Amino acid sequence: MSFSFVPKTDAEIEALQNQGLLTEGTYPFQVKAIDQLISKSGNSMLKVKLSVLEKDGSARIIFDYLVAMDTMMFKIKHFCESIGLADQYSKGMFDPQECIDRSGMAILGIQKGNAKPDGTGNYADKNSIKDYVKSDKLQKAADDKMLNEDIPF
């Protein structure tokens, strides 16, 4: 018995690997779970499980890692501001369990994988969280949109 398949070009394989990725943009999310860990370099870290709402109304799970180091502090700050924990951020600590079921907005990107058509590499492209949107920026954007819309009278 032979092994049969439909051969694909490199372009078709790349398109299949990217199928199912959300386009880059801003999406609403809800925190579903959060685990406190230590990173490989010894820094305190949170592994955050987010349910990201797609434009069609369905949800997708995306994980993000918030690492307590200077180069990543912007992300922790924006995460806290997005879900209403800005006061706790300013104190320098918060209970990760307070994040569960809180909602906010996240800026999604596409993280390039290292998978190659020849079978080398370990992972395909995937969605990742680039940053979080502060909740008052969302309100200002909504207010600006209302002010700039054509009023039909």
Foldseek 3Di string as FASTA:
>chain_A
DDDDDDDDDQVVVLVVLCPPAAAWFKWKKAWADKDWDADPVGFIKIWTWIFTADPVGHTDTDIAMQTPDPVRLQQVCQLCQFQVNNVQVVVVDDDVVVRHGTMGMFGKDKDAFDQGPVGDGDGGIHIYTPHTHGPVVVVVVVVVVVVPDDDPD
